[in-house]
Amino acid sequence: MYRNKSFDEHLAKELKSSKFAGGFLLDLMDGDDGFTLEEALRQTIQRMGVKEFCVKARLDMPNVMKFLKGTRKLKPETLDVFLKPFGLRTKLIVEKAS
C-alpha cells in the first residue's frame, strides 16, 4: 500500500508517544495475518525513525541496524531492552498441550 510523505511524517510524530507506539506495535501483531513480534518491532522502529528509537532505547545504532536488516536475532533479555521504550515487555507462558 502506498502512503504519501505527509502520512509518514504524521505517523512518525505520533510514534514519539510511548503509549501510541506500544499500541501501534501490538496492533501490527493482531489477528491471524499479524506480524511476528520481531517483524512488528522492525516496522515500528523504521516508522518512528531509527535515530529517535536509538536515543529512547539507549542503544547503539549499529546494533539496531543489524536487527533491522535481519542479520541479528534478539535474545529474550535484549528483546525487553528493545521493547522498553514502548512500555512493553515479554512474558513466557507455558501451557499444557491439549
PDB file of N, CA and C in Angstrom:
ATOM      1  N   MET A   1       0.844  -1.171   0.000  1.00  0.00           N
ATOM      2  CA  MET A   1       0.000   0.000   0.000  1.00  0.00           C
ATOM      3  C   MET A   1       0.894   1.240   0.000  1.00  0.00           C
ATOM      4  N   TYR A   2       0.583   2.176  -0.878  1.00  0.00           N
ATOM      5  CA  TYR A   2       1.345   3.410  -0.980  1.00  0.00           C
ATOM      6  C   TYR A   2       0.866   4.403   0.067  1.00  0.00           C
ATOM      7  N   ARG A   3       1.805   4.994   0.726  1.00  0.00           N
ATOM      8  CA  ARG A   3       1.498   6.054   1.695  1.00  0.00           C
ATOM      9  C   ARG A   3       2.215   7.313   1.239  1.00  0.00           C
ATOM     10  N   ASN A   4       1.548   8.450   1.356  1.00  0.00           N
ATOM     11  CA  ASN A   4       2.221   9.672   0.958  1.00  0.00           C
ATOM     12  C   ASN A   4       3.133  10.167   2.073  1.00  0.00           C
ATOM     13  N   LYS A   5       4.010  11.095   1.725  1.00  0.00           N
ATOM     14  CA  LYS A   5       5.023  11.575   2.662  1.00  0.00           C
ATOM     15  C   LYS A   5       4.399  12.221   3.899  1.00  0.00           C
ATOM     16  N   SER A   6       3.307  12.955   3.731  1.00  0.00           N
ATOM     17  CA  SER A   6       2.692  13.624   4.880  1.00  0.00           C
ATOM     18  C   SER A   6       2.133  12.610   5.881  1.00  0.00           C
ATOM     19  N   PHE A   7       1.622  11.467   5.387  1.00  0.00           N
ATOM     20  CA  PHE A   7       1.145  10.422   6.292  1.00  0.00           C
ATOM     21  C   PHE A   7       2.307   9.883   7.116  1.00  0.00           C
ATOM     22  N   ASP A   8       3.430   9.579   6.461  1.00  0.00           N
ATOM     23  CA  ASP A   8       4.595   9.047   7.160  1.00  0.00           C
ATOM     24  C   ASP A   8       5.134  10.030   8.191  1.00  0.00           C
ATOM     25  N   GLU A   9       5.148  11.321   7.845  1.00  0.00           N
ATOM     26  CA  GLU A   9       5.610  12.338   8.795  1.00  0.00           C
ATOM     27  C   GLU A   9       4.671  12.423   9.990  1.00  0.00           C
ATOM     28  N   HIS A  10       3.372  12.367   9.731  1.00  0.00           N
ATOM     29  CA  HIS A  10       2.387  12.422  10.814  1.00  0.00           C
ATOM     30  C   HIS A  10       2.527  11.192  11.725  1.00  0.00           C
ATOM     31  N   LEU A  11       2.669  10.020  11.114  1.00  0.00           N
ATOM     32  CA  LEU A  11       2.822   8.793  11.897  1.00  0.00           C
ATOM     33  C   LEU A  11       4.091   8.841  12.737  1.00  0.00           C
ATOM     34  N   ALA A  12       5.188   9.327  12.173  1.00  0.00           N
ATOM     35  CA  ALA A  12       6.450   9.440  12.918  1.00  0.00           C
ATOM     36  C   ALA A  12       6.283  10.351  14.133  1.00  0.00           C
ATOM     37  N   LYS A  13       5.521  11.433  13.975  1.00  0.00           N
ATOM     38  CA  LYS A  13       5.272  12.330  15.113  1.00  0.00           C
ATOM     39  C   LYS A  13       4.436  11.635  16.185  1.00  0.00           C
ATOM     40  N   GLU A  14       3.415  10.886  15.756  1.00  0.00           N
ATOM     41  CA  GLU A  14       2.568  10.159  16.698  1.00  0.00           C
ATOM     42  C   GLU A  14       3.368   9.088  17.447  1.00  0.00           C
ATOM     43  N   LEU A  15       4.317   8.460  16.765  1.00  0.00           N
ATOM     44  CA  LEU A  15       5.102   7.381  17.373  1.00  0.00           C
ATOM     45  C   LEU A  15       6.098   7.885  18.414  1.00  0.00           C
ATOM     46  N   LYS A  16       6.233   9.184  18.562  1.00  0.00           N
ATOM     47  CA  LYS A  16       7.088   9.725  19.628  1.00  0.00           C
ATOM     48  C   LYS A  16       6.473   9.463  20.996  1.00  0.00           C
ATOM     49  N   SER A  17       5.168   9.263  21.020  1.00  0.00           N
ATOM     50  CA  SER A  17       4.473   8.916  22.259  1.00  0.00           C
ATOM     51  C   SER A  17       4.657   7.428  22.521  1.00  0.00           C
ATOM     52  N   SER A  18       5.217   7.088  23.671  1.00  0.00           N
ATOM     53  CA  SER A  18       5.444   5.678  24.014  1.00  0.00           C
ATOM     54  C   SER A  18       4.147   4.885  24.027  1.00  0.00           C
ATOM     55  N   LYS A  19       3.085   5.499  24.528  1.00  0.00           N
ATOM     56  CA  LYS A  19       1.805   4.818  24.608  1.00  0.00           C
ATOM     57  C   LYS A  19       1.266   4.522  23.205  1.00  0.00           C
ATOM     58  N   PHE A  20       1.322   5.512  22.320  1.00  0.00           N
ATOM     59  CA  PHE A  20       0.851   5.319  20.952  1.00  0.00           C
ATOM     60  C   PHE A  20       1.706   4.279  20.236  1.00  0.00           C
ATOM     61  N   ALA A  21       3.030   4.382  20.389  1.00  0.00           N
ATOM     62  CA  ALA A  21       3.947   3.457  19.712  1.00  0.00           C
ATOM     63  C   ALA A  21       3.734   2.022  20.185  1.00  0.00           C
ATOM     64  N   GLY A  22       3.524   1.828  21.494  1.00  0.00           N
ATOM     65  CA  GLY A  22       3.264   0.494  22.017  1.00  0.00           C
ATOM     66  C   GLY A  22       1.980  -0.096  21.449  1.00  0.00           C
ATOM     67  N   GLY A  23       0.940   0.726  21.357  1.00  0.00           N
ATOM     68  CA  GLY A  23      -0.319   0.284  20.774  1.00  0.00           C
ATOM     69  C   GLY A  23      -0.177  -0.028  19.291  1.00  0.00           C
ATOM     70  N   PHE A  24       0.597   0.787  18.585  1.00  0.00           N
ATOM     71  CA  PHE A  24       0.850   0.570  17.163  1.00  0.00           C
ATOM     72  C   PHE A  24       1.537  -0.773  16.950  1.00  0.00           C
ATOM     73  N   LEU A  25       2.562  -1.040  17.754  1.00  0.00           N
ATOM     74  CA  LEU A  25       3.307  -2.298  17.660  1.00  0.00           C
ATOM     75  C   LEU A  25       2.387  -3.490  17.928  1.00  0.00           C
ATOM     76  N   LEU A  26       1.576  -3.416  18.961  1.00  0.00           N
ATOM     77  CA  LEU A  26       0.646  -4.503  19.285  1.00  0.00           C
ATOM     78  C   LEU A  26      -0.401  -4.698  18.190  1.00  0.00           C
ATOM     79  N   ASP A  27      -0.871  -3.597  17.603  1.00  0.00           N
ATOM     80  CA  ASP A  27      -1.850  -3.690  16.513  1.00  0.00           C
ATOM     81  C   ASP A  27      -1.269  -4.397  15.297  1.00  0.00           C
ATOM     82  N   LEU A  28       0.016  -4.189  15.035  1.00  0.00           N
ATOM     83  CA  LEU A  28       0.660  -4.859  13.903  1.00  0.00           C
ATOM     84  C   LEU A  28       0.668  -6.381  14.070  1.00  0.00           C
ATOM     85  N   MET A  29       0.636  -6.861  15.317  1.00  0.00           N
ATOM     86  CA  MET A  29       0.671  -8.301  15.581  1.00  0.00           C
ATOM     87  C   MET A  29      -0.728  -8.904  15.703  1.00  0.00           C
ATOM     88  N   ASP A  30      -1.745  -8.082  15.679  1.00  0.00           N
ATOM     89  CA  ASP A  30      -3.109  -8.540  15.915  1.00  0.00           C
ATOM     90  C   ASP A  30      -3.656  -9.358  14.751  1.00  0.00           C
ATOM     91  N   GLY A  31      -4.406 -10.367  15.067  1.00  0.00           N
ATOM     92  CA  GLY A  31      -5.096 -11.166  14.058  1.00  0.00           C
ATOM     93  C   GLY A  31      -4.261 -12.293  13.490  1.00  0.00           C
ATOM     94  N   ASP A  32      -4.914 -13.119  12.692  1.00  0.00           N
ATOM     95  CA  ASP A  32      -4.254 -14.272  12.090  1.00  0.00           C
ATOM     96  C   ASP A  32      -3.165 -13.879  11.100  1.00  0.00           C
ATOM     97  N   ASP A  33      -3.329 -12.746  10.441  1.00  0.00           N
ATOM     98  CA  ASP A  33      -2.353 -12.294   9.463  1.00  0.00           C
ATOM     99  C   ASP A  33      -1.368 -11.281  10.054  1.00  0.00           C
ATOM    100  N   GLY A  34      -1.355 -11.147  11.367  1.00  0.00           N
ATOM    101  CA  GLY A  34      -0.477 -10.180  12.013  1.00  0.00           C
ATOM    102  C   GLY A  34       0.981 -10.553  11.896  1.00  0.00           C
ATOM    103  N   PHE A  35       1.817  -9.557  12.094  1.00  0.00           N
ATOM    104  CA  PHE A  35       3.263  -9.756  12.075  1.00  0.00           C
ATOM    105  C   PHE A  35       3.729 -10.514  13.307  1.00  0.00           C
ATOM    106  N   THR A  36       4.901 -11.123  13.215  1.00  0.00           N
ATOM    107  CA  THR A  36       5.558 -11.660  14.405  1.00  0.00           C
ATOM    108  C   THR A  36       6.032 -10.470  15.236  1.00  0.00           C
ATOM    109  N   LEU A  37       6.429 -10.719  16.466  1.00  0.00           N
ATOM    110  CA  LEU A  37       6.917  -9.643  17.324  1.00  0.00           C
ATOM    111  C   LEU A  37       8.099  -8.927  16.683  1.00  0.00           C
ATOM    112  N   GLU A  38       9.060  -9.688  16.166  1.00  0.00           N
ATOM    113  CA  GLU A  38      10.242  -9.064  15.566  1.00  0.00           C
ATOM    114  C   GLU A  38       9.884  -8.259  14.316  1.00  0.00           C
ATOM    115  N   GLU A  39       8.967  -8.767  13.492  1.00  0.00           N
ATOM    116  CA  GLU A  39       8.550  -8.026  12.302  1.00  0.00           C
ATOM    117  C   GLU A  39       7.852  -6.722  12.691  1.00  0.00           C
ATOM    118  N   ALA A  40       6.976  -6.792  13.685  1.00  0.00           N
ATOM    119  CA  ALA A  40       6.260  -5.606  14.147  1.00  0.00           C
ATOM    120  C   ALA A  40       7.230  -4.595  14.750  1.00  0.00           C
ATOM    121  N   LEU A  41       8.209  -5.079  15.479  1.00  0.00           N
ATOM    122  CA  LEU A  41       9.209  -4.198  16.075  1.00  0.00           C
ATOM    123  C   LEU A  41      10.023  -3.499  14.989  1.00  0.00           C
ATOM    124  N   ARG A  42      10.415  -4.230  13.966  1.00  0.00           N
ATOM    125  CA  ARG A  42      11.154  -3.624  12.849  1.00  0.00           C
ATOM    126  C   ARG A  42      10.319  -2.529  12.170  1.00  0.00           C
ATOM    127  N   GLN A  43       9.059  -2.839  11.891  1.00  0.00           N
ATOM    128  CA  GLN A  43       8.181  -1.864  11.237  1.00  0.00           C
ATOM    129  C   GLN A  43       8.025  -0.602  12.092  1.00  0.00           C
ATOM    130  N   THR A  44       7.832  -0.785  13.375  1.00  0.00           N
ATOM    131  CA  THR A  44       7.623   0.349  14.275  1.00  0.00           C
ATOM    132  C   THR A  44       8.870   1.209  14.373  1.00  0.00           C
ATOM    133  N   ILE A  45      10.027   0.581  14.535  1.00  0.00           N
ATOM    134  CA  ILE A  45      11.286   1.328  14.633  1.00  0.00           C
ATOM    135  C   ILE A  45      11.528   2.123  13.357  1.00  0.00           C
ATOM    136  N   GLN A  46      11.315   1.504  12.210  1.00  0.00           N
ATOM    137  CA  GLN A  46      11.546   2.197  10.943  1.00  0.00           C
ATOM    138  C   GLN A  46      10.607   3.378  10.767  1.00  0.00           C
ATOM    139  N   ARG A  47       9.373   3.235  11.194  1.00  0.00           N
ATOM    140  CA  ARG A  47       8.414   4.320  11.022  1.00  0.00           C
ATOM    141  C   ARG A  47       8.631   5.458  12.015  1.00  0.00           C
ATOM    142  N   MET A  48       9.114   5.135  13.206  1.00  0.00           N
ATOM    143  CA  MET A  48       9.365   6.203  14.169  1.00  0.00           C
ATOM    144  C   MET A  48      10.684   6.901  13.907  1.00  0.00           C
ATOM    145  N   GLY A  49      11.577   6.220  13.205  1.00  0.00           N
ATOM    146  CA  GLY A  49      12.902   6.773  12.924  1.00  0.00           C
ATOM    147  C   GLY A  49      13.944   6.052  13.760  1.00  0.00           C
ATOM    148  N   VAL A  50      14.957   5.533  13.107  1.00  0.00           N
ATOM    149  CA  VAL A  50      15.969   4.736  13.796  1.00  0.00           C
ATOM    150  C   VAL A  50      16.714   5.574  14.832  1.00  0.00           C
ATOM    151  N   LYS A  51      17.072   6.781  14.466  1.00  0.00           N
ATOM    152  CA  LYS A  51      17.809   7.646  15.399  1.00  0.00           C
ATOM    153  C   LYS A  51      16.979   7.929  16.651  1.00  0.00           C
ATOM    154  N   GLU A  52      15.717   8.257  16.451  1.00  0.00           N
ATOM    155  CA  GLU A  52      14.803   8.526  17.570  1.00  0.00           C
ATOM    156  C   GLU A  52      14.708   7.310  18.487  1.00  0.00           C
ATOM    157  N   PHE A  53      14.569   6.119  17.887  1.00  0.00           N
ATOM    158  CA  PHE A  53      14.482   4.897  18.680  1.00  0.00           C
ATOM    159  C   PHE A  53      15.764   4.651  19.465  1.00  0.00           C
ATOM    160  N   CYS A  54      16.914   4.821  18.823  1.00  0.00           N
ATOM    161  CA  CYS A  54      18.194   4.580  19.486  1.00  0.00           C
ATOM    162  C   CYS A  54      18.364   5.471  20.715  1.00  0.00           C
ATOM    163  N   VAL A  55      17.924   6.707  20.598  1.00  0.00           N
ATOM    164  CA  VAL A  55      18.005   7.639  21.735  1.00  0.00           C
ATOM    165  C   VAL A  55      17.089   7.169  22.862  1.00  0.00           C
ATOM    166  N   LYS A  56      15.835   6.833  22.520  1.00  0.00           N
ATOM    167  CA  LYS A  56      14.881   6.395  23.539  1.00  0.00           C
ATOM    168  C   LYS A  56      15.309   5.095  24.215  1.00  0.00           C
ATOM    169  N   ALA A  57      15.841   4.162  23.438  1.00  0.00           N
ATOM    170  CA  ALA A  57      16.210   2.846  23.968  1.00  0.00           C
ATOM    171  C   ALA A  57      17.625   2.826  24.539  1.00  0.00           C
ATOM    172  N   ARG A  58      18.365   3.899  24.290  1.00  0.00           N
ATOM    173  CA  ARG A  58      19.772   3.976  24.729  1.00  0.00           C
ATOM    174  C   ARG A  58      20.583   2.811  24.142  1.00  0.00           C
ATOM    175  N   LEU A  59      20.404   2.619  22.840  1.00  0.00           N
ATOM    176  CA  LEU A  59      21.103   1.553  22.120  1.00  0.00           C
ATOM    177  C   LEU A  59      21.969   2.165  21.032  1.00  0.00           C
ATOM    178  N   ASP A  60      23.062   1.491  20.721  1.00  0.00           N
ATOM    179  CA  ASP A  60      23.937   1.930  19.643  1.00  0.00           C
ATOM    180  C   ASP A  60      23.281   1.645  18.301  1.00  0.00           C
ATOM    181  N   MET A  61      23.398   2.591  17.391  1.00  0.00           N
ATOM    182  CA  MET A  61      22.757   2.451  16.088  1.00  0.00           C
ATOM    183  C   MET A  61      23.236   1.222  15.313  1.00  0.00           C
ATOM    184  N   PRO A  62      24.530   0.863  15.329  1.00  0.00           N
ATOM    185  CA  PRO A  62      24.937  -0.329  14.576  1.00  0.00           C
ATOM    186  C   PRO A  62      24.210  -1.600  15.022  1.00  0.00           C
ATOM    187  N   ASN A  63      23.963  -1.753  16.313  1.00  0.00           N
ATOM    188  CA  ASN A  63      23.243  -2.928  16.814  1.00  0.00           C
ATOM    189  C   ASN A  63      21.789  -2.926  16.345  1.00  0.00           C
ATOM    190  N   VAL A  64      21.180  -1.759  16.355  1.00  0.00           N
ATOM    191  CA  VAL A  64      19.792  -1.645  15.910  1.00  0.00           C
ATOM    192  C   VAL A  64      19.706  -1.907  14.411  1.00  0.00           C
ATOM    193  N   MET A  65      20.653  -1.380  13.647  1.00  0.00           N
ATOM    194  CA  MET A  65      20.654  -1.582  12.194  1.00  0.00           C
ATOM    195  C   MET A  65      20.824  -3.061  11.840  1.00  0.00           C
ATOM    196  N   LYS A  66      21.652  -3.782  12.583  1.00  0.00           N
ATOM    197  CA  LYS A  66      21.814  -5.221  12.341  1.00  0.00           C
ATOM    198  C   LYS A  66      20.481  -5.950  12.561  1.00  0.00           C
ATOM    199  N   PHE A  67      19.749  -5.545  13.597  1.00  0.00           N
ATOM    200  CA  PHE A  67      18.444  -6.139  13.849  1.00  0.00           C
ATOM    201  C   PHE A  67      17.471  -5.805  12.713  1.00  0.00           C
ATOM    202  N   LEU A  68      17.456  -4.547  12.289  1.00  0.00           N
ATOM    203  CA  LEU A  68      16.534  -4.130  11.236  1.00  0.00           C
ATOM    204  C   LEU A  68      16.816  -4.831   9.918  1.00  0.00           C
ATOM    205  N   LYS A  69      18.076  -5.103   9.638  1.00  0.00           N
ATOM    206  CA  LYS A  69      18.451  -5.780   8.391  1.00  0.00           C
ATOM    207  C   LYS A  69      18.254  -7.286   8.480  1.00  0.00           C
ATOM    208  N   GLY A  70      17.966  -7.793   9.668  1.00  0.00           N
ATOM    209  CA  GLY A  70      17.736  -9.222   9.846  1.00  0.00           C
ATOM    210  C   GLY A  70      19.002 -10.030  10.056  1.00  0.00           C
ATOM    211  N   THR A  71      20.131  -9.371  10.269  1.00  0.00           N
ATOM    212  CA  THR A  71      21.385 -10.096  10.499  1.00  0.00           C
ATOM    213  C   THR A  71      21.625 -10.356  11.978  1.00  0.00           C
ATOM    214  N   ARG A  72      20.753  -9.857  12.819  1.00  0.00           N
ATOM    215  CA  ARG A  72      20.877 -10.068  14.260  1.00  0.00           C
ATOM    216  C   ARG A  72      19.535 -10.505  14.825  1.00  0.00           C
ATOM    217  N   LYS A  73      19.532 -11.629  15.526  1.00  0.00           N
ATOM    218  CA  LYS A  73      18.346 -12.092  16.252  1.00  0.00           C
ATOM    219  C   LYS A  73      18.478 -11.596  17.693  1.00  0.00           C
ATOM    220  N   LEU A  74      17.365 -11.292  18.306  1.00  0.00           N
ATOM    221  CA  LEU A  74      17.390 -10.769  19.670  1.00  0.00           C
ATOM    222  C   LEU A  74      17.157 -11.880  20.687  1.00  0.00           C
ATOM    223  N   LYS A  75      18.011 -11.913  21.704  1.00  0.00           N
ATOM    224  CA  LYS A  75      17.794 -12.809  22.840  1.00  0.00           C
ATOM    225  C   LYS A  75      16.639 -12.234  23.657  1.00  0.00           C
ATOM    226  N   PRO A  76      15.984 -13.062  24.464  1.00  0.00           N
ATOM    227  CA  PRO A  76      14.843 -12.552  25.251  1.00  0.00           C
ATOM    228  C   PRO A  76      15.169 -11.313  26.088  1.00  0.00           C
ATOM    229  N   GLU A  77      16.320 -11.297  26.738  1.00  0.00           N
ATOM    230  CA  GLU A  77      16.651 -10.129  27.567  1.00  0.00           C
ATOM    231  C   GLU A  77      16.925  -8.891  26.717  1.00  0.00           C
ATOM    232  N   THR A  78      17.469  -9.079  25.521  1.00  0.00           N
ATOM    233  CA  THR A  78      17.706  -7.958  24.613  1.00  0.00           C
ATOM    234  C   THR A  78      16.391  -7.482  24.020  1.00  0.00           C
ATOM    235  N   LEU A  79      15.477  -8.396  23.765  1.00  0.00           N
ATOM    236  CA  LEU A  79      14.165  -8.041  23.247  1.00  0.00           C
ATOM    237  C   LEU A  79      13.455  -7.108  24.219  1.00  0.00           C
ATOM    238  N   ASP A  80      13.587  -7.372  25.505  1.00  0.00           N
ATOM    239  CA  ASP A  80      12.974  -6.489  26.503  1.00  0.00           C
ATOM    240  C   ASP A  80      13.576  -5.089  26.468  1.00  0.00           C
ATOM    241  N   VAL A  81      14.866  -4.981  26.187  1.00  0.00           N
ATOM    242  CA  VAL A  81      15.513  -3.670  26.062  1.00  0.00           C
ATOM    243  C   VAL A  81      14.919  -2.926  24.862  1.00  0.00           C
ATOM    244  N   PHE A  82      14.694  -3.645  23.761  1.00  0.00           N
ATOM    245  CA  PHE A  82      14.111  -3.038  22.568  1.00  0.00           C
ATOM    246  C   PHE A  82      12.647  -2.647  22.798  1.00  0.00           C
ATOM    247  N   LEU A  83      11.936  -3.364  23.645  1.00  0.00           N
ATOM    248  CA  LEU A  83      10.514  -3.089  23.893  1.00  0.00           C
ATOM    249  C   LEU A  83      10.274  -2.018  24.952  1.00  0.00           C
ATOM    250  N   LYS A  84      11.254  -1.774  25.801  1.00  0.00           N
ATOM    251  CA  LYS A  84      11.081  -0.841  26.917  1.00  0.00           C
ATOM    252  C   LYS A  84      10.611   0.553  26.490  1.00  0.00           C
ATOM    253  N   PRO A  85      11.150   1.137  25.418  1.00  0.00           N
ATOM    254  CA  PRO A  85      10.664   2.473  25.028  1.00  0.00           C
ATOM    255  C   PRO A  85       9.183   2.513  24.657  1.00  0.00           C
ATOM    256  N   PHE A  86       8.605   1.351  24.375  1.00  0.00           N
ATOM    257  CA  PHE A  86       7.195   1.281  24.018  1.00  0.00           C
ATOM    258  C   PHE A  86       6.319   0.931  25.220  1.00  0.00           C
ATOM    259  N   GLY A  87       6.933   0.811  26.388  1.00  0.00           N
ATOM    260  CA  GLY A  87       6.181   0.444  27.585  1.00  0.00           C
ATOM    261  C   GLY A  87       5.747  -1.007  27.560  1.00  0.00           C
ATOM    262  N   LEU A  88       6.504  -1.860  26.870  1.00  0.00           N
ATOM    263  CA  LEU A  88       6.164  -3.271  26.740  1.00  0.00           C
ATOM    264  C   LEU A  88       7.307  -4.150  27.232  1.00  0.00           C
ATOM    265  N   ARG A  89       6.991  -5.400  27.513  1.00  0.00           N
ATOM    266  CA  ARG A  89       7.990  -6.402  27.871  1.00  0.00           C
ATOM    267  C   ARG A  89       7.471  -7.769  27.466  1.00  0.00           C
ATOM    268  N   THR A  90       8.364  -8.732  27.408  1.00  0.00           N
ATOM    269  CA  THR A  90       7.959 -10.081  27.024  1.00  0.00           C
ATOM    270  C   THR A  90       7.555 -10.872  28.262  1.00  0.00           C
ATOM    271  N   LYS A  91       6.753 -11.900  28.023  1.00  0.00           N
ATOM    272  CA  LYS A  91       6.325 -12.791  29.092  1.00  0.00           C
ATOM    273  C   LYS A  91       6.174 -14.180  28.475  1.00  0.00           C
ATOM    274  N   LEU A  92       6.831 -15.142  29.055  1.00  0.00           N
ATOM    275  CA  LEU A  92       6.773 -16.506  28.558  1.00  0.00           C
ATOM    276  C   LEU A  92       5.676 -17.261  29.306  1.00  0.00           C
ATOM    277  N   ILE A  93       4.809 -17.906  28.541  1.00  0.00           N
ATOM    278  CA  ILE A  93       3.723 -18.682  29.146  1.00  0.00           C
ATOM    279  C   ILE A  93       3.819 -20.106  28.642  1.00  0.00           C
ATOM    280  N   VAL A  94       3.820 -21.055  29.547  1.00  0.00           N
ATOM    281  CA  VAL A  94       3.835 -22.471  29.202  1.00  0.00           C
ATOM    282  C   VAL A  94       2.489 -23.046  29.607  1.00  0.00           C
ATOM    283  N   GLU A  95       1.846 -23.693  28.645  1.00  0.00           N
ATOM    284  CA  GLU A  95       0.538 -24.286  28.902  1.00  0.00           C
ATOM    285  C   GLU A  95       0.572 -25.768  28.535  1.00  0.00           C
ATOM    286  N   LYS A  96      -0.305 -26.517  29.151  1.00  0.00           N
ATOM    287  CA  LYS A  96      -0.426 -27.931  28.851  1.00  0.00           C
ATOM    288  C   LYS A  96      -1.043 -28.099  27.471  1.00  0.00           C
ATOM    289  N   ALA A  97      -0.433 -28.962  26.666  1.00  0.00           N
ATOM    290  CA  ALA A  97      -0.949 -29.191  25.321  1.00  0.00           C
ATOM    291  C   ALA A  97      -2.230 -30.020  25.408  1.00  0.00           C
ATOM    292  N   SER A  98      -3.159 -29.765  24.506  1.00  0.00           N
ATOM    293  CA  SER A  98      -4.425 -30.495  24.517  1.00  0.00           C
ATOM    294  C   SER A  98      -4.277 -31.844  23.855  1.00  0.00           C
TER     295      SER A  98
END
